[in-house]
Amino acid sequence: MRWWHIEEIAPLERDLFGDEEWSAGMFWSELAQADTRWYRVALENDEVIGYAGLCVYGPEDAWVQNIAVRRDRQGAGLGRKMLDELLEEAVRRGARQVLLEVRADNAPAQRLYARRGFEAIGLRRGYYQPSNTDAVVMRWEMT
């Protein structure tokens, strides 16, 4: 992901996450931390149809910041592909485990993560605001 993608990502972020969307400033902040962050975008005909981000912190840990796929492209394997790329990058950077949070009411995403070897390890009550939706914490460990 490059800075010029931020404006293109905003409508997608708003559509998928509504009041819980990340602001442009949040994305700028993420991109400014290139030593610990890694983002990619999926393009189709030069149009952003998805994006994903990773934070590598500590000597062996990484965190999936976000994965988003435009609604009309969901279910075609793009989310899986981007997740696989995040896991590959995490391992390349030395991570032995990758964590993420996913909305408790987002069963399709939870199934995707479980198929990739993530296990639920906790629950953060009221994590997503302003909807007060719980987050399931999931972990993938390198074997």
N, C-alpha and C. Protein backbone atom coordinates (compact mmCIF):
# COMPACT_ATOMS: atom_id res chain seq x y z
N MET A 1 0.86 -1.17 0.00
CA MET A 1 0.00 0.00 0.00
C MET A 1 0.90 1.23 0.00
N ARG A 2 0.48 2.20 -0.75
CA ARG A 2 1.19 3.48 -0.81
C ARG A 2 0.22 4.58 -0.38
N TRP A 3 0.79 5.75 -0.13
CA TRP A 3 -0.02 6.85 0.40
C TRP A 3 -1.17 7.20 -0.53
N TRP A 4 -0.97 7.06 -1.84
CA TRP A 4 -2.03 7.44 -2.78
C TRP A 4 -3.22 6.48 -2.76
N HIS A 5 -3.06 5.33 -2.13
CA HIS A 5 -4.18 4.39 -2.02
C HIS A 5 -5.16 4.79 -0.91
N ILE A 6 -4.71 5.61 0.03
CA ILE A 6 -5.55 5.93 1.19
C ILE A 6 -6.88 6.53 0.76
N GLU A 7 -6.86 7.46 -0.18
CA GLU A 7 -8.11 8.07 -0.65
C GLU A 7 -9.03 7.04 -1.30
N GLU A 8 -8.44 6.07 -2.01
CA GLU A 8 -9.24 5.02 -2.66
C GLU A 8 -9.81 4.03 -1.65
N ILE A 9 -9.10 3.85 -0.55
CA ILE A 9 -9.53 2.89 0.47
C ILE A 9 -10.69 3.42 1.30
N ALA A 10 -10.77 4.73 1.46
CA ALA A 10 -11.78 5.33 2.34
C ALA A 10 -13.21 4.87 2.05
N PRO A 11 -13.69 4.87 0.80
CA PRO A 11 -15.07 4.41 0.57
C PRO A 11 -15.27 2.94 0.91
N LEU A 12 -14.28 2.13 0.64
CA LEU A 12 -14.35 0.70 0.97
C LEU A 12 -14.41 0.52 2.48
N GLU A 13 -13.55 1.22 3.18
CA GLU A 13 -13.52 1.17 4.64
C GLU A 13 -14.87 1.59 5.22
N ARG A 14 -15.44 2.66 4.69
CA ARG A 14 -16.74 3.17 5.17
C ARG A 14 -17.85 2.16 4.91
N ASP A 15 -17.85 1.56 3.72
CA ASP A 15 -18.88 0.60 3.37
C ASP A 15 -18.82 -0.64 4.26
N LEU A 16 -17.62 -1.13 4.51
CA LEU A 16 -17.48 -2.37 5.27
C LEU A 16 -17.59 -2.19 6.78
N PHE A 17 -17.12 -1.05 7.29
CA PHE A 17 -17.01 -0.89 8.74
C PHE A 17 -17.86 0.23 9.33
N GLY A 18 -18.51 1.02 8.49
CA GLY A 18 -19.43 2.05 8.98
C GLY A 18 -18.80 2.96 10.02
N ASP A 19 -19.47 3.12 11.15
CA ASP A 19 -18.99 4.02 12.20
C ASP A 19 -17.68 3.57 12.83
N GLU A 20 -17.27 2.35 12.55
CA GLU A 20 -16.04 1.82 13.14
C GLU A 20 -14.88 1.85 12.14
N GLU A 21 -15.05 2.61 11.07
CA GLU A 21 -14.01 2.68 10.04
C GLU A 21 -12.75 3.35 10.57
N TRP A 22 -11.64 3.01 9.98
CA TRP A 22 -10.39 3.70 10.26
C TRP A 22 -10.38 5.01 9.48
N SER A 23 -9.86 6.05 10.07
CA SER A 23 -9.75 7.34 9.40
C SER A 23 -8.52 7.34 8.48
N ALA A 24 -8.48 8.30 7.58
CA ALA A 24 -7.29 8.45 6.73
C ALA A 24 -6.06 8.65 7.59
N GLY A 25 -6.20 9.40 8.68
CA GLY A 25 -5.07 9.64 9.58
C GLY A 25 -4.53 8.35 10.18
N MET A 26 -5.40 7.41 10.48
CA MET A 26 -4.95 6.14 11.02
C MET A 26 -4.11 5.38 9.99
N PHE A 27 -4.55 5.41 8.73
CA PHE A 27 -3.78 4.76 7.69
C PHE A 27 -2.44 5.46 7.46
N TRP A 28 -2.45 6.80 7.48
CA TRP A 28 -1.20 7.55 7.35
C TRP A 28 -0.23 7.14 8.46
N SER A 29 -0.75 7.04 9.68
CA SER A 29 0.08 6.65 10.81
C SER A 29 0.67 5.25 10.62
N GLU A 30 -0.14 4.34 10.11
CA GLU A 30 0.34 2.98 9.86
C GLU A 30 1.46 2.99 8.82
N LEU A 31 1.26 3.69 7.72
CA LEU A 31 2.26 3.72 6.66
C LEU A 31 3.55 4.39 7.11
N ALA A 32 3.45 5.31 8.06
CA ALA A 32 4.63 6.00 8.57
C ALA A 32 5.51 5.09 9.42
N GLN A 33 4.99 3.94 9.82
CA GLN A 33 5.74 3.01 10.67
C GLN A 33 6.20 1.80 9.86
N ALA A 34 6.87 2.08 8.75
CA ALA A 34 7.25 1.03 7.81
C ALA A 34 8.15 -0.04 8.42
N ASP A 35 8.86 0.27 9.48
CA ASP A 35 9.74 -0.73 10.08
C ASP A 35 8.95 -1.84 10.78
N THR A 36 7.73 -1.54 11.22
CA THR A 36 6.93 -2.55 11.92
C THR A 36 5.60 -2.85 11.23
N ARG A 37 5.29 -2.15 10.16
CA ARG A 37 4.02 -2.35 9.46
C ARG A 37 4.27 -2.81 8.03
N TRP A 38 3.32 -3.60 7.52
CA TRP A 38 3.38 -4.06 6.13
C TRP A 38 1.96 -4.11 5.61
N TYR A 39 1.70 -3.36 4.56
CA TYR A 39 0.36 -3.29 3.96
C TYR A 39 0.43 -3.63 2.48
N ARG A 40 -0.64 -4.21 2.00
CA ARG A 40 -0.75 -4.49 0.58
C ARG A 40 -2.17 -4.17 0.13
N VAL A 41 -2.31 -3.86 -1.14
CA VAL A 41 -3.63 -3.64 -1.73
C VAL A 41 -3.82 -4.64 -2.86
N ALA A 42 -5.05 -5.00 -3.10
CA ALA A 42 -5.42 -5.82 -4.25
C ALA A 42 -6.08 -4.90 -5.26
N LEU A 43 -5.60 -4.94 -6.47
CA LEU A 43 -6.11 -4.07 -7.52
C LEU A 43 -6.75 -4.88 -8.63
N GLU A 44 -7.78 -4.31 -9.21
CA GLU A 44 -8.41 -4.86 -10.40
C GLU A 44 -8.67 -3.69 -11.34
N ASN A 45 -8.06 -3.73 -12.50
CA ASN A 45 -8.16 -2.61 -13.44
C ASN A 45 -7.77 -1.30 -12.76
N ASP A 46 -6.69 -1.33 -11.99
CA ASP A 46 -6.15 -0.17 -11.27
C ASP A 46 -7.10 0.37 -10.19
N GLU A 47 -8.08 -0.41 -9.80
CA GLU A 47 -9.03 -0.02 -8.76
C GLU A 47 -8.83 -0.91 -7.54
N VAL A 48 -8.80 -0.29 -6.35
CA VAL A 48 -8.62 -1.05 -5.12
C VAL A 48 -9.87 -1.88 -4.83
N ILE A 49 -9.67 -3.19 -4.69
CA ILE A 49 -10.79 -4.07 -4.36
C ILE A 49 -10.57 -4.76 -3.01
N GLY A 50 -9.41 -4.51 -2.41
CA GLY A 50 -9.13 -5.08 -1.10
C GLY A 50 -7.82 -4.58 -0.56
N TYR A 51 -7.61 -4.76 0.72
CA TYR A 51 -6.36 -4.37 1.36
C TYR A 51 -6.20 -5.17 2.65
N ALA A 52 -4.96 -5.25 3.09
CA ALA A 52 -4.66 -5.98 4.31
C ALA A 52 -3.40 -5.40 4.93
N GLY A 53 -3.33 -5.48 6.27
CA GLY A 53 -2.18 -4.92 6.96
C GLY A 53 -1.70 -5.80 8.10
N LEU A 54 -0.41 -5.69 8.37
CA LEU A 54 0.26 -6.49 9.39
C LEU A 54 1.14 -5.59 10.23
N CYS A 55 1.16 -5.85 11.52
CA CYS A 55 2.07 -5.18 12.45
C CYS A 55 2.95 -6.25 13.07
N VAL A 56 4.26 -6.08 12.95
CA VAL A 56 5.19 -7.00 13.58
C VAL A 56 5.76 -6.29 14.80
N TYR A 57 5.52 -6.85 15.96
CA TYR A 57 6.00 -6.24 17.19
C TYR A 57 6.70 -7.29 18.02
N GLY A 58 7.71 -6.88 18.73
CA GLY A 58 8.47 -7.84 19.52
C GLY A 58 9.26 -8.75 18.60
N PRO A 59 10.09 -9.60 19.18
CA PRO A 59 10.95 -10.43 18.35
C PRO A 59 10.24 -11.56 17.61
N GLU A 60 9.07 -12.00 18.09
CA GLU A 60 8.44 -13.17 17.47
C GLU A 60 6.94 -13.04 17.27
N ASP A 61 6.38 -11.85 17.41
CA ASP A 61 4.94 -11.68 17.36
C ASP A 61 4.52 -10.73 16.25
N ALA A 62 3.37 -11.02 15.67
CA ALA A 62 2.77 -10.15 14.66
C ALA A 62 1.28 -10.08 14.90
N TRP A 63 0.67 -9.06 14.34
CA TRP A 63 -0.76 -8.81 14.53
C TRP A 63 -1.36 -8.42 13.19
N VAL A 64 -2.43 -9.10 12.80
CA VAL A 64 -3.17 -8.70 11.60
C VAL A 64 -3.94 -7.44 11.96
N GLN A 65 -3.62 -6.34 11.29
CA GLN A 65 -4.29 -5.07 11.56
C GLN A 65 -5.67 -5.03 10.92
N ASN A 66 -5.75 -5.47 9.68
CA ASN A 66 -7.02 -5.48 8.98
C ASN A 66 -6.93 -6.29 7.70
N ILE A 67 -8.06 -6.79 7.30
CA ILE A 67 -8.24 -7.41 5.98
C ILE A 67 -9.62 -6.95 5.51
N ALA A 68 -9.66 -6.41 4.32
CA ALA A 68 -10.94 -5.93 3.80
C ALA A 68 -11.03 -6.25 2.31
N VAL A 69 -12.18 -6.74 1.90
CA VAL A 69 -12.44 -7.07 0.50
C VAL A 69 -13.77 -6.44 0.11
N ARG A 70 -13.76 -5.75 -1.01
CA ARG A 70 -14.99 -5.12 -1.51
C ARG A 70 -16.11 -6.15 -1.57
N ARG A 71 -17.31 -5.77 -1.18
CA ARG A 71 -18.43 -6.71 -1.07
C ARG A 71 -18.65 -7.55 -2.33
N ASP A 72 -18.55 -6.93 -3.49
CA ASP A 72 -18.81 -7.68 -4.72
C ASP A 72 -17.67 -8.61 -5.11
N ARG A 73 -16.60 -8.62 -4.35
CA ARG A 73 -15.47 -9.52 -4.59
C ARG A 73 -15.28 -10.54 -3.46
N GLN A 74 -16.14 -10.47 -2.44
CA GLN A 74 -16.03 -11.40 -1.33
C GLN A 74 -16.45 -12.80 -1.77
N GLY A 75 -15.84 -13.79 -1.13
CA GLY A 75 -16.17 -15.18 -1.42
C GLY A 75 -15.42 -15.78 -2.60
N ALA A 76 -14.50 -15.02 -3.19
CA ALA A 76 -13.76 -15.50 -4.36
C ALA A 76 -12.31 -15.85 -4.03
N GLY A 77 -11.96 -15.85 -2.75
CA GLY A 77 -10.61 -16.25 -2.36
C GLY A 77 -9.62 -15.12 -2.15
N LEU A 78 -10.03 -13.89 -2.38
CA LEU A 78 -9.11 -12.77 -2.22
C LEU A 78 -8.70 -12.57 -0.75
N GLY A 79 -9.63 -12.68 0.17
CA GLY A 79 -9.30 -12.56 1.59
C GLY A 79 -8.30 -13.62 2.01
N ARG A 80 -8.52 -14.85 1.54
CA ARG A 80 -7.59 -15.95 1.85
C ARG A 80 -6.21 -15.66 1.30
N LYS A 81 -6.15 -15.18 0.07
CA LYS A 81 -4.86 -14.88 -0.56
C LYS A 81 -4.13 -13.79 0.23
N MET A 82 -4.83 -12.73 0.61
CA MET A 82 -4.17 -11.66 1.35
C MET A 82 -3.74 -12.15 2.74
N LEU A 83 -4.56 -12.98 3.39
CA LEU A 83 -4.18 -13.52 4.69
C LEU A 83 -2.92 -14.37 4.55
N ASP A 84 -2.86 -15.20 3.52
CA ASP A 84 -1.66 -16.00 3.29
C ASP A 84 -0.44 -15.12 3.09
N GLU A 85 -0.59 -14.02 2.38
CA GLU A 85 0.53 -13.10 2.17
C GLU A 85 0.96 -12.46 3.49
N LEU A 86 -0.01 -12.12 4.34
CA LEU A 86 0.34 -11.57 5.66
C LEU A 86 1.11 -12.58 6.49
N LEU A 87 0.66 -13.82 6.48
CA LEU A 87 1.34 -14.87 7.24
C LEU A 87 2.76 -15.09 6.71
N GLU A 88 2.92 -15.10 5.40
CA GLU A 88 4.25 -15.26 4.81
C GLU A 88 5.17 -14.12 5.23
N GLU A 89 4.66 -12.89 5.20
CA GLU A 89 5.46 -11.73 5.59
C GLU A 89 5.81 -11.79 7.07
N ALA A 90 4.86 -12.20 7.89
CA ALA A 90 5.12 -12.32 9.33
C ALA A 90 6.26 -13.31 9.59
N VAL A 91 6.20 -14.45 8.94
CA VAL A 91 7.26 -15.46 9.11
C VAL A 91 8.59 -14.92 8.58
N ARG A 92 8.55 -14.26 7.44
CA ARG A 92 9.77 -13.67 6.86
C ARG A 92 10.42 -12.70 7.84
N ARG A 93 9.58 -11.99 8.61
CA ARG A 93 10.10 -11.02 9.59
C ARG A 93 10.40 -11.65 10.95
N GLY A 94 10.28 -12.97 11.04
CA GLY A 94 10.68 -13.66 12.26
C GLY A 94 9.57 -13.98 13.24
N ALA A 95 8.33 -13.70 12.90
CA ALA A 95 7.22 -13.98 13.81
C ALA A 95 6.99 -15.49 13.92
N ARG A 96 6.71 -15.93 15.12
CA ARG A 96 6.37 -17.33 15.36
C ARG A 96 4.89 -17.48 15.66
N GLN A 97 4.23 -16.35 15.95
CA GLN A 97 2.78 -16.37 16.14
C GLN A 97 2.19 -15.08 15.59
N VAL A 98 0.96 -15.20 15.10
CA VAL A 98 0.22 -14.06 14.56
C VAL A 98 -1.13 -14.03 15.26
N LEU A 99 -1.50 -12.84 15.74
CA LEU A 99 -2.78 -12.67 16.42
C LEU A 99 -3.67 -11.74 15.62
N LEU A 100 -4.95 -11.81 15.90
CA LEU A 100 -5.90 -10.89 15.28
C LEU A 100 -7.15 -10.81 16.13
N GLU A 101 -7.92 -9.78 15.88
CA GLU A 101 -9.24 -9.63 16.47
C GLU A 101 -10.24 -9.61 15.33
N VAL A 102 -11.37 -10.27 15.55
CA VAL A 102 -12.42 -10.32 14.54
C VAL A 102 -13.75 -10.15 15.26
N ARG A 103 -14.65 -9.44 14.64
CA ARG A 103 -15.96 -9.23 15.24
C ARG A 103 -16.61 -10.57 15.57
N ALA A 104 -17.19 -10.66 16.73
CA ALA A 104 -17.85 -11.90 17.16
C ALA A 104 -19.01 -12.25 16.23
N ASP A 105 -19.59 -11.27 15.55
CA ASP A 105 -20.71 -11.54 14.64
C ASP A 105 -20.26 -11.72 13.18
N ASN A 106 -18.96 -11.83 12.94
CA ASN A 106 -18.46 -12.02 11.58
C ASN A 106 -18.03 -13.47 11.38
N ALA A 107 -19.01 -14.36 11.28
CA ALA A 107 -18.75 -15.80 11.14
C ALA A 107 -17.95 -16.14 9.89
N PRO A 108 -18.21 -15.51 8.72
CA PRO A 108 -17.40 -15.87 7.54
C PRO A 108 -15.90 -15.60 7.76
N ALA A 109 -15.57 -14.48 8.37
CA ALA A 109 -14.15 -14.18 8.63
C ALA A 109 -13.57 -15.17 9.63
N GLN A 110 -14.33 -15.51 10.66
CA GLN A 110 -13.84 -16.48 11.64
C GLN A 110 -13.58 -17.83 10.98
N ARG A 111 -14.44 -18.24 10.05
CA ARG A 111 -14.22 -19.51 9.34
C ARG A 111 -12.96 -19.44 8.48
N LEU A 112 -12.75 -18.32 7.81
CA LEU A 112 -11.54 -18.14 7.01
C LEU A 112 -10.30 -18.31 7.89
N TYR A 113 -10.29 -17.62 9.01
CA TYR A 113 -9.13 -17.69 9.89
C TYR A 113 -8.94 -19.11 10.44
N ALA A 114 -10.02 -19.76 10.82
CA ALA A 114 -9.92 -21.13 11.35
C ALA A 114 -9.37 -22.08 10.28
N ARG A 115 -9.81 -21.92 9.03
CA ARG A 115 -9.29 -22.77 7.95
C ARG A 115 -7.80 -22.57 7.72
N ARG A 116 -7.29 -21.42 8.11
CA ARG A 116 -5.87 -21.12 7.96
C ARG A 116 -5.08 -21.45 9.23
N GLY A 117 -5.74 -22.09 10.20
CA GLY A 117 -5.02 -22.55 11.38
C GLY A 117 -5.10 -21.65 12.60
N PHE A 118 -5.90 -20.59 12.53
CA PHE A 118 -6.08 -19.72 13.69
C PHE A 118 -7.02 -20.40 14.69
N GLU A 119 -6.75 -20.21 15.97
CA GLU A 119 -7.62 -20.72 17.03
C GLU A 119 -8.07 -19.57 17.90
N ALA A 120 -9.33 -19.61 18.32
CA ALA A 120 -9.85 -18.60 19.24
C ALA A 120 -9.19 -18.79 20.60
N ILE A 121 -8.67 -17.69 21.15
CA ILE A 121 -7.99 -17.78 22.45
C ILE A 121 -8.58 -16.82 23.48
N GLY A 122 -9.52 -15.98 23.07
CA GLY A 122 -10.09 -15.04 24.02
C GLY A 122 -11.20 -14.21 23.42
N LEU A 123 -11.78 -13.39 24.27
CA LEU A 123 -12.88 -12.51 23.86
C LEU A 123 -12.66 -11.15 24.49
N ARG A 124 -12.78 -10.10 23.70
CA ARG A 124 -12.70 -8.72 24.21
C ARG A 124 -14.12 -8.16 24.16
N ARG A 125 -14.73 -8.04 25.30
CA ARG A 125 -16.12 -7.55 25.38
C ARG A 125 -16.20 -6.08 25.00
N GLY A 126 -17.16 -5.75 24.14
CA GLY A 126 -17.40 -4.37 23.75
C GLY A 126 -16.25 -3.71 23.04
N TYR A 127 -15.41 -4.48 22.40
CA TYR A 127 -14.18 -3.96 21.77
C TYR A 127 -14.47 -2.97 20.65
N TYR A 128 -15.39 -3.32 19.76
CA TYR A 128 -15.68 -2.46 18.61
C TYR A 128 -16.67 -1.39 19.02
N GLN A 129 -16.28 -0.14 18.79
CA GLN A 129 -17.11 1.00 19.16
C GLN A 129 -17.41 1.83 17.92
N PRO A 130 -18.59 2.40 17.82
CA PRO A 130 -19.58 2.58 18.88
C PRO A 130 -20.60 1.46 19.01
N SER A 131 -20.46 0.37 18.24
CA SER A 131 -21.49 -0.68 18.29
C SER A 131 -21.42 -1.55 19.54
N ASN A 132 -20.32 -1.46 20.28
CA ASN A 132 -20.13 -2.26 21.50
C ASN A 132 -20.11 -3.76 21.20
N THR A 133 -19.65 -4.11 20.00
CA THR A 133 -19.58 -5.50 19.58
C THR A 133 -18.32 -6.16 20.14
N ASP A 134 -18.46 -7.40 20.57
CA ASP A 134 -17.32 -8.15 21.09
C ASP A 134 -16.36 -8.52 19.96
N ALA A 135 -15.08 -8.72 20.33
CA ALA A 135 -14.07 -9.21 19.40
C ALA A 135 -13.56 -10.56 19.88
N VAL A 136 -13.46 -11.48 18.97
CA VAL A 136 -12.83 -12.77 19.25
C VAL A 136 -11.35 -12.61 18.94
N VAL A 137 -10.50 -12.96 19.89
CA VAL A 137 -9.05 -12.92 19.67
C VAL A 137 -8.64 -14.30 19.17
N MET A 138 -7.91 -14.32 18.05
CA MET A 138 -7.48 -15.58 17.47
C MET A 138 -5.96 -15.57 17.28
N ARG A 139 -5.38 -16.77 17.34
CA ARG A 139 -3.92 -16.88 17.22
C ARG A 139 -3.56 -18.00 16.24
N TRP A 140 -2.54 -17.72 15.43
CA TRP A 140 -1.92 -18.70 14.54
C TRP A 140 -0.49 -18.87 15.01
N GLU A 141 -0.07 -20.11 15.15
CA GLU A 141 1.30 -20.37 15.57
C GLU A 141 2.03 -21.14 14.49
N MET A 142 3.26 -20.72 14.24
CA MET A 142 4.09 -21.41 13.26
C MET A 142 4.46 -22.78 13.82
N THR A 143 4.33 -23.79 12.98
CA THR A 143 4.65 -25.14 13.45
C THR A 143 5.95 -25.62 12.84
